[in-house]
């Protein structure tokens, strides 16, 4: 699972409490065990966020496919088919997933 603006979700006791939610859902067998990839804001700067997320092109998708996911595959024995992947974001980060 790829999370845009992942810096908001990586802290276990952070604003979103995502790590706790994932653990609880997995323990209750509501979701399968999965690898979560947290993508930090593009360029580390908020001013670049809309440019990199909102621009309609395949650049961000290629970045994920060609650079990020191969690093994950090298470390973990996980399925590589598109059916087994997910991506999430809100606001501009949500539009990044649709390009």
C-alpha atoms as a PDB file:
ATOM      1  CA  UNK A   1       0.000   0.000   0.000  1.00  0.00           C
ATOM      2  CA  UNK A   2       1.438   3.340  -1.045  1.00  0.00           C
ATOM      3  CA  UNK A   3       0.499   6.398   0.996  1.00  0.00           C
ATOM      4  CA  UNK A   4       0.988   9.911  -0.422  1.00  0.00           C
ATOM      5  CA  UNK A   5       2.045  12.481   2.190  1.00  0.00           C
ATOM      6  CA  UNK A   6       3.222   9.520   4.236  1.00  0.00           C
ATOM      7  CA  UNK A   7       4.995  11.733   6.743  1.00  0.00           C
ATOM      8  CA  UNK A   8       1.534  12.273   8.273  1.00  0.00           C
ATOM      9  CA  UNK A   9       1.058   8.527   8.814  1.00  0.00           C
ATOM     10  CA  UNK A  10       4.461   7.176   9.758  1.00  0.00           C
ATOM     11  CA  UNK A  11       4.391   8.155  13.442  1.00  0.00           C
ATOM     12  CA  UNK A  12       2.621   5.481  15.468  1.00  0.00           C
ATOM     13  CA  UNK A  13       1.104   8.072  17.817  1.00  0.00           C
ATOM     14  CA  UNK A  14       0.835  10.716  15.087  1.00  0.00           C
ATOM     15  CA  UNK A  15      -2.182  12.698  14.012  1.00  0.00           C
ATOM     16  CA  UNK A  16      -3.729   9.902  11.944  1.00  0.00           C
ATOM     17  CA  UNK A  17      -2.819   6.967  14.261  1.00  0.00           C
ATOM     18  CA  UNK A  18      -2.522   4.958  11.035  1.00  0.00           C
ATOM     19  CA  UNK A  19      -0.048   2.417  12.397  1.00  0.00           C
ATOM     20  CA  UNK A  20      -2.404   1.544  15.252  1.00  0.00           C
ATOM     21  CA  UNK A  21      -5.353   1.264  12.868  1.00  0.00           C
ATOM     22  CA  UNK A  22      -3.382  -1.037  10.512  1.00  0.00           C
ATOM     23  CA  UNK A  23      -2.306  -3.244  13.422  1.00  0.00           C
ATOM     24  CA  UNK A  24      -5.846  -3.513  14.790  1.00  0.00           C
ATOM     25  CA  UNK A  25      -7.385  -4.310  11.396  1.00  0.00           C
ATOM     26  CA  UNK A  26      -4.704  -6.894  10.645  1.00  0.00           C
ATOM     27  CA  UNK A  27      -5.082  -8.550  14.058  1.00  0.00           C
ATOM     28  CA  UNK A  28      -8.845  -8.764  13.553  1.00  0.00           C
ATOM     29  CA  UNK A  29      -8.251 -10.217  10.074  1.00  0.00           C
ATOM     30  CA  UNK A  30     -10.193  -7.363   8.457  1.00  0.00           C
ATOM     31  CA  UNK A  31      -7.227  -6.664   6.147  1.00  0.00           C
ATOM     32  CA  UNK A  32      -4.339  -8.920   5.077  1.00  0.00           C
ATOM     33  CA  UNK A  33      -0.761  -8.448   6.220  1.00  0.00           C
ATOM     34  CA  UNK A  34       0.705  -5.842   3.892  1.00  0.00           C
ATOM     35  CA  UNK A  35       3.711  -3.659   3.280  1.00  0.00           C
ATOM     36  CA  UNK A  36       2.996   0.053   3.692  1.00  0.00           C
ATOM     37  CA  UNK A  37       5.156   2.508   1.720  1.00  0.00           C
ATOM     38  CA  UNK A  38       5.000   6.066   3.016  1.00  0.00           C
ATOM     39  CA  UNK A  39       5.931   8.665   0.406  1.00  0.00           C
ATOM     40  CA  UNK A  40       7.009  12.006   1.845  1.00  0.00           C
ATOM     41  CA  UNK A  41       5.868  15.209   0.201  1.00  0.00           C
ATOM     42  CA  UNK A  42       7.588  15.679  -3.155  1.00  0.00           C
ATOM     43  CA  UNK A  43      10.793  17.618  -2.784  1.00  0.00           C
ATOM     44  CA  UNK A  44      10.188  17.794   0.960  1.00  0.00           C
ATOM     45  CA  UNK A  45       8.529  21.153   0.369  1.00  0.00           C
ATOM     46  CA  UNK A  46       4.856  22.016   0.461  1.00  0.00           C
ATOM     47  CA  UNK A  47       5.230  24.504  -2.408  1.00  0.00           C
ATOM     48  CA  UNK A  48       6.236  21.664  -4.779  1.00  0.00           C
ATOM     49  CA  UNK A  49       3.331  19.433  -3.731  1.00  0.00           C
ATOM     50  CA  UNK A  50       0.748  20.776  -6.159  1.00  0.00           C
ATOM     51  CA  UNK A  51       3.227  20.914  -9.034  1.00  0.00           C
ATOM     52  CA  UNK A  52       4.334  17.310  -8.642  1.00  0.00           C
ATOM     53  CA  UNK A  53       1.005  15.798  -7.570  1.00  0.00           C
ATOM     54  CA  UNK A  54      -1.417  17.833  -9.712  1.00  0.00           C
ATOM     55  CA  UNK A  55       0.470  17.885 -13.019  1.00  0.00           C
ATOM     56  CA  UNK A  56      -1.304  15.552 -15.439  1.00  0.00           C
ATOM     57  CA  UNK A  57       1.447  13.250 -16.697  1.00  0.00           C
ATOM     58  CA  UNK A  58       2.818   9.786 -16.026  1.00  0.00           C
ATOM     59  CA  UNK A  59       5.955  11.112 -14.312  1.00  0.00           C
ATOM     60  CA  UNK A  60       4.852  10.322 -10.748  1.00  0.00           C
ATOM     61  CA  UNK A  61       3.439   6.912 -11.687  1.00  0.00           C
ATOM     62  CA  UNK A  62       6.736   6.060 -13.407  1.00  0.00           C
ATOM     63  CA  UNK A  63       8.629   7.220 -10.304  1.00  0.00           C
ATOM     64  CA  UNK A  64       6.625   4.779  -8.190  1.00  0.00           C
ATOM     65  CA  UNK A  65       6.831   1.923 -10.710  1.00  0.00           C
ATOM     66  CA  UNK A  66      10.484   2.341 -11.719  1.00  0.00           C
ATOM     67  CA  UNK A  67      12.165   3.637  -8.563  1.00  0.00           C
ATOM     68  CA  UNK A  68      10.123   3.065  -5.411  1.00  0.00           C
ATOM     69  CA  UNK A  69       8.491  -0.337  -5.963  1.00  0.00           C
ATOM     70  CA  UNK A  70      11.694  -2.074  -7.161  1.00  0.00           C
ATOM     71  CA  UNK A  71      13.318  -1.099  -3.838  1.00  0.00           C
ATOM     72  CA  UNK A  72      10.394  -2.650  -1.964  1.00  0.00           C
ATOM     73  CA  UNK A  73      10.486  -5.816  -4.103  1.00  0.00           C
ATOM     74  CA  UNK A  74      14.220  -6.175  -3.437  1.00  0.00           C
ATOM     75  CA  UNK A  75      13.627  -6.280   0.326  1.00  0.00           C
ATOM     76  CA  UNK A  76      10.344  -8.178   0.593  1.00  0.00           C
ATOM     77  CA  UNK A  77       8.923 -11.244  -1.111  1.00  0.00           C
ATOM     78  CA  UNK A  78       5.609  -9.769  -2.206  1.00  0.00           C
ATOM     79  CA  UNK A  79       3.308 -10.149  -5.184  1.00  0.00           C
ATOM     80  CA  UNK A  80       4.074  -7.847  -8.085  1.00  0.00           C
ATOM     81  CA  UNK A  81       0.707  -7.814  -9.834  1.00  0.00           C
ATOM     82  CA  UNK A  82      -1.340  -4.624  -9.970  1.00  0.00           C
ATOM     83  CA  UNK A  83      -4.283  -6.305  -8.265  1.00  0.00           C
ATOM     84  CA  UNK A  84      -2.208  -6.612  -5.091  1.00  0.00           C
ATOM     85  CA  UNK A  85      -1.322  -2.916  -4.875  1.00  0.00           C
ATOM     86  CA  UNK A  86      -3.157   0.062  -3.471  1.00  0.00           C
ATOM     87  CA  UNK A  87      -2.508   3.776  -3.291  1.00  0.00           C
ATOM     88  CA  UNK A  88      -4.106   6.469  -1.174  1.00  0.00           C
ATOM     89  CA  UNK A  89      -4.029  10.189  -0.710  1.00  0.00           C
ATOM     90  CA  UNK A  90      -6.226  13.175  -0.116  1.00  0.00           C
ATOM     91  CA  UNK A  91      -6.466  16.556  -1.777  1.00  0.00           C
ATOM     92  CA  UNK A  92      -3.559  16.931  -4.236  1.00  0.00           C
ATOM     93  CA  UNK A  93      -2.120  13.587  -3.106  1.00  0.00           C
ATOM     94  CA  UNK A  94      -5.343  11.928  -4.278  1.00  0.00           C
ATOM     95  CA  UNK A  95      -4.913  13.333  -7.765  1.00  0.00           C
ATOM     96  CA  UNK A  96      -1.401  11.852  -7.923  1.00  0.00           C
ATOM     97  CA  UNK A  97      -2.916   8.384  -7.872  1.00  0.00           C
ATOM     98  CA  UNK A  98      -5.123   9.057 -10.850  1.00  0.00           C
ATOM     99  CA  UNK A  99      -2.378   9.985 -13.328  1.00  0.00           C
END
